[in-house]
Each structure stands twice: as C-alpha cells, then as structure tokens.
Amino acid sequence: MDKILDYTIIIGIFASIAMIFFLLVYIVKKPSIFDKLIASDLLAMPLICLIVLVSIYYKTFSYVSLILIIAIICLVGTIVTAKFLAKKEVFSDDTK
C-alpha cells in the first residue's frame, strides 16, 4: 500500500510542476494586466500543493510555516495590485 501512496504523491508533484509551468507561460503570453493578475494569484495554489506533497513525501511538518508565508504574501500582493489597478494609487493621502 505504501508503493501506491508514493506513486500517487510523485504523480501529484509532477502535475503541480506542470501546472506551475503552464501558468508561467500564460503570464508571459497574455497582454492584459488583469489576466496576469489572476494567473499570478492562481499560481499560489499549485505551489502550495507542491509544498504539501513534498512535505507528505518526506513525512515532515517543517514546511507548514512556508505554506502560510506564501499564502499571506499572495493575498497581500493581490489586494495591493487590485487596489492599484482600480485607483492608480496604493496608499491614499488623506492630509490634502
């Protein structure tokens, strides 16, 4: 039974790597900044899946903090980029 689990994890790792590659190609090919924003936000999911699968394969919990850091950076980056694209400014100056 361990062989089947190992093969499934390895197939999942390769699928995550392929998805990351295709999303990077999509980011480079699309001219619209909104498509690039969505693809870069979507890029975090296969990256997190890849880290989880590697963590399961090596039977360790030491990568959990890395997963949380990637999720927080992706969330903040998406919010800041969307706010910039909507208002053309990230921080509003209320002293005017």
C-alpha atoms as a PDB file:
ATOM      1  CA  MET A   1       0.000   0.000   0.000  1.00  0.00           C
ATOM      2  CA  ASP A   2       2.906   2.371   0.586  1.00  0.00           C
ATOM      3  CA  LYS A   3       4.020   1.977  -3.028  1.00  0.00           C
ATOM      4  CA  ILE A   4       0.660   3.202  -4.313  1.00  0.00           C
ATOM      5  CA  LEU A   5       0.776   6.220  -1.995  1.00  0.00           C
ATOM      6  CA  ASP A   6       4.340   7.045  -3.057  1.00  0.00           C
ATOM      7  CA  TYR A   7       3.457   6.827  -6.743  1.00  0.00           C
ATOM      8  CA  THR A   8       0.376   8.989  -6.224  1.00  0.00           C
ATOM      9  CA  ILE A   9       2.402  11.635  -4.408  1.00  0.00           C
ATOM     10  CA  ILE A  10       5.058  11.650  -7.141  1.00  0.00           C
ATOM     11  CA  ILE A  11       2.400  11.992  -9.857  1.00  0.00           C
ATOM     12  CA  GLY A  12       0.858  14.866  -7.884  1.00  0.00           C
ATOM     13  CA  ILE A  13       4.253  16.562  -7.621  1.00  0.00           C
ATOM     14  CA  PHE A  14       4.770  16.345 -11.376  1.00  0.00           C
ATOM     15  CA  ALA A  15       1.217  17.582 -12.021  1.00  0.00           C
ATOM     16  CA  SER A  16       1.822  20.582  -9.750  1.00  0.00           C
ATOM     17  CA  ILE A  17       5.085  21.369 -11.528  1.00  0.00           C
ATOM     18  CA  ALA A  18       3.330  21.135 -14.909  1.00  0.00           C
ATOM     19  CA  MET A  19       0.554  23.453 -13.723  1.00  0.00           C
ATOM     20  CA  ILE A  20       3.113  25.972 -12.451  1.00  0.00           C
ATOM     21  CA  PHE A  21       4.893  25.838 -15.819  1.00  0.00           C
ATOM     22  CA  PHE A  22       1.663  26.362 -17.791  1.00  0.00           C
ATOM     23  CA  LEU A  23       0.635  29.276 -15.570  1.00  0.00           C
ATOM     24  CA  LEU A  24       4.029  30.923 -16.044  1.00  0.00           C
ATOM     25  CA  VAL A  25       3.643  30.563 -19.821  1.00  0.00           C
ATOM     26  CA  TYR A  26       0.133  32.049 -19.532  1.00  0.00           C
ATOM     27  CA  ILE A  27       1.502  35.014 -17.574  1.00  0.00           C
ATOM     28  CA  VAL A  28       4.123  35.686 -20.229  1.00  0.00           C
ATOM     29  CA  LYS A  29       1.798  35.273 -23.229  1.00  0.00           C
ATOM     30  CA  LYS A  30      -1.262  37.284 -22.154  1.00  0.00           C
ATOM     31  CA  PRO A  31      -1.102  41.028 -22.828  1.00  0.00           C
ATOM     32  CA  SER A  32      -3.774  42.101 -20.325  1.00  0.00           C
ATOM     33  CA  ILE A  33      -2.627  43.041 -16.841  1.00  0.00           C
ATOM     34  CA  PHE A  34      -5.843  41.615 -15.372  1.00  0.00           C
ATOM     35  CA  ASP A  35      -5.153  38.188 -16.897  1.00  0.00           C
ATOM     36  CA  LYS A  36      -1.648  38.325 -15.471  1.00  0.00           C
ATOM     37  CA  LEU A  37      -3.008  39.272 -12.048  1.00  0.00           C
ATOM     38  CA  ILE A  38      -5.442  36.372 -11.996  1.00  0.00           C
ATOM     39  CA  ALA A  39      -2.807  33.914 -13.217  1.00  0.00           C
ATOM     40  CA  SER A  40      -0.260  35.083 -10.667  1.00  0.00           C
ATOM     41  CA  ASP A  41      -2.846  34.735  -7.911  1.00  0.00           C
ATOM     42  CA  LEU A  42      -3.728  31.281  -9.196  1.00  0.00           C
ATOM     43  CA  LEU A  43      -0.038  30.362  -9.224  1.00  0.00           C
ATOM     44  CA  ALA A  44      -0.021  30.142  -5.430  1.00  0.00           C
ATOM     45  CA  MET A  45      -2.354  27.139  -5.346  1.00  0.00           C
ATOM     46  CA  PRO A  46      -0.177  24.621  -7.251  1.00  0.00           C
ATOM     47  CA  LEU A  47       2.866  25.964  -5.407  1.00  0.00           C
ATOM     48  CA  ILE A  48       1.191  25.290  -2.065  1.00  0.00           C
ATOM     49  CA  CYS A  49       0.055  21.866  -3.304  1.00  0.00           C
ATOM     50  CA  LEU A  50       3.616  21.097  -4.372  1.00  0.00           C
ATOM     51  CA  ILE A  51       4.971  22.011  -0.940  1.00  0.00           C
ATOM     52  CA  VAL A  52       2.294  19.928   0.792  1.00  0.00           C
ATOM     53  CA  LEU A  53       3.048  16.906  -1.390  1.00  0.00           C
ATOM     54  CA  VAL A  54       6.785  17.225  -0.783  1.00  0.00           C
ATOM     55  CA  SER A  55       6.073  17.502   2.932  1.00  0.00           C
ATOM     56  CA  ILE A  56       3.954  14.344   2.832  1.00  0.00           C
ATOM     57  CA  TYR A  57       6.597  12.523   0.786  1.00  0.00           C
ATOM     58  CA  TYR A  58       9.355  13.330   3.295  1.00  0.00           C
ATOM     59  CA  LYS A  59       6.978  12.815   6.275  1.00  0.00           C
ATOM     60  CA  THR A  60       7.723  16.159   7.929  1.00  0.00           C
ATOM     61  CA  PHE A  61       5.730  19.135   9.187  1.00  0.00           C
ATOM     62  CA  SER A  62       8.527  21.664   8.838  1.00  0.00           C
ATOM     63  CA  TYR A  63       7.088  23.202   5.645  1.00  0.00           C
ATOM     64  CA  VAL A  64       3.805  24.378   7.202  1.00  0.00           C
ATOM     65  CA  SER A  65       5.203  27.812   8.034  1.00  0.00           C
ATOM     66  CA  LEU A  66       6.412  28.191   4.444  1.00  0.00           C
ATOM     67  CA  ILE A  67       2.905  27.440   3.186  1.00  0.00           C
ATOM     68  CA  LEU A  68       1.409  30.095   5.457  1.00  0.00           C
ATOM     69  CA  ILE A  69       4.000  32.678   4.391  1.00  0.00           C
ATOM     70  CA  ILE A  70       3.311  32.037   0.692  1.00  0.00           C
ATOM     71  CA  ALA A  71      -0.452  32.318   1.250  1.00  0.00           C
ATOM     72  CA  ILE A  72      -0.122  35.618   3.146  1.00  0.00           C
ATOM     73  CA  ILE A  73       2.248  37.127   0.562  1.00  0.00           C
ATOM     74  CA  CYS A  74      -0.080  36.095  -2.260  1.00  0.00           C
ATOM     75  CA  LEU A  75      -3.110  37.581  -0.524  1.00  0.00           C
ATOM     76  CA  VAL A  76      -1.419  40.887   0.251  1.00  0.00           C
ATOM     77  CA  GLY A  77       0.094  41.107  -3.227  1.00  0.00           C
ATOM     78  CA  THR A  78      -3.237  40.516  -4.904  1.00  0.00           C
ATOM     79  CA  ILE A  79      -5.030  43.091  -2.753  1.00  0.00           C
ATOM     80  CA  VAL A  80      -2.360  45.748  -3.315  1.00  0.00           C
ATOM     81  CA  THR A  81      -2.227  45.121  -7.071  1.00  0.00           C
ATOM     82  CA  ALA A  82      -6.016  45.191  -7.425  1.00  0.00           C
ATOM     83  CA  LYS A  83      -6.221  48.407  -5.416  1.00  0.00           C
ATOM     84  CA  PHE A  84      -3.522  49.973  -7.576  1.00  0.00           C
ATOM     85  CA  LEU A  85      -5.259  48.953 -10.789  1.00  0.00           C
ATOM     86  CA  ALA A  86      -8.579  50.321  -9.530  1.00  0.00           C
ATOM     87  CA  LYS A  87      -7.433  53.711  -8.173  1.00  0.00           C
ATOM     88  CA  LYS A  88      -3.891  54.120  -9.582  1.00  0.00           C
ATOM     89  CA  GLU A  89      -2.599  54.560  -6.040  1.00  0.00           C
ATOM     90  CA  VAL A  90      -1.835  52.114  -3.261  1.00  0.00           C
ATOM     91  CA  PHE A  91      -1.876  54.437  -0.260  1.00  0.00           C
ATOM     92  CA  SER A  92      -4.327  57.317  -0.180  1.00  0.00           C
ATOM     93  CA  ASP A  93      -3.111  60.655   1.133  1.00  0.00           C
ATOM     94  CA  ASP A  94      -5.814  61.968   3.470  1.00  0.00           C
ATOM     95  CA  THR A  95      -3.878  65.082   4.541  1.00  0.00           C
ATOM     96  CA  LYS A  96      -4.884  67.084   1.466  1.00  0.00           C
END
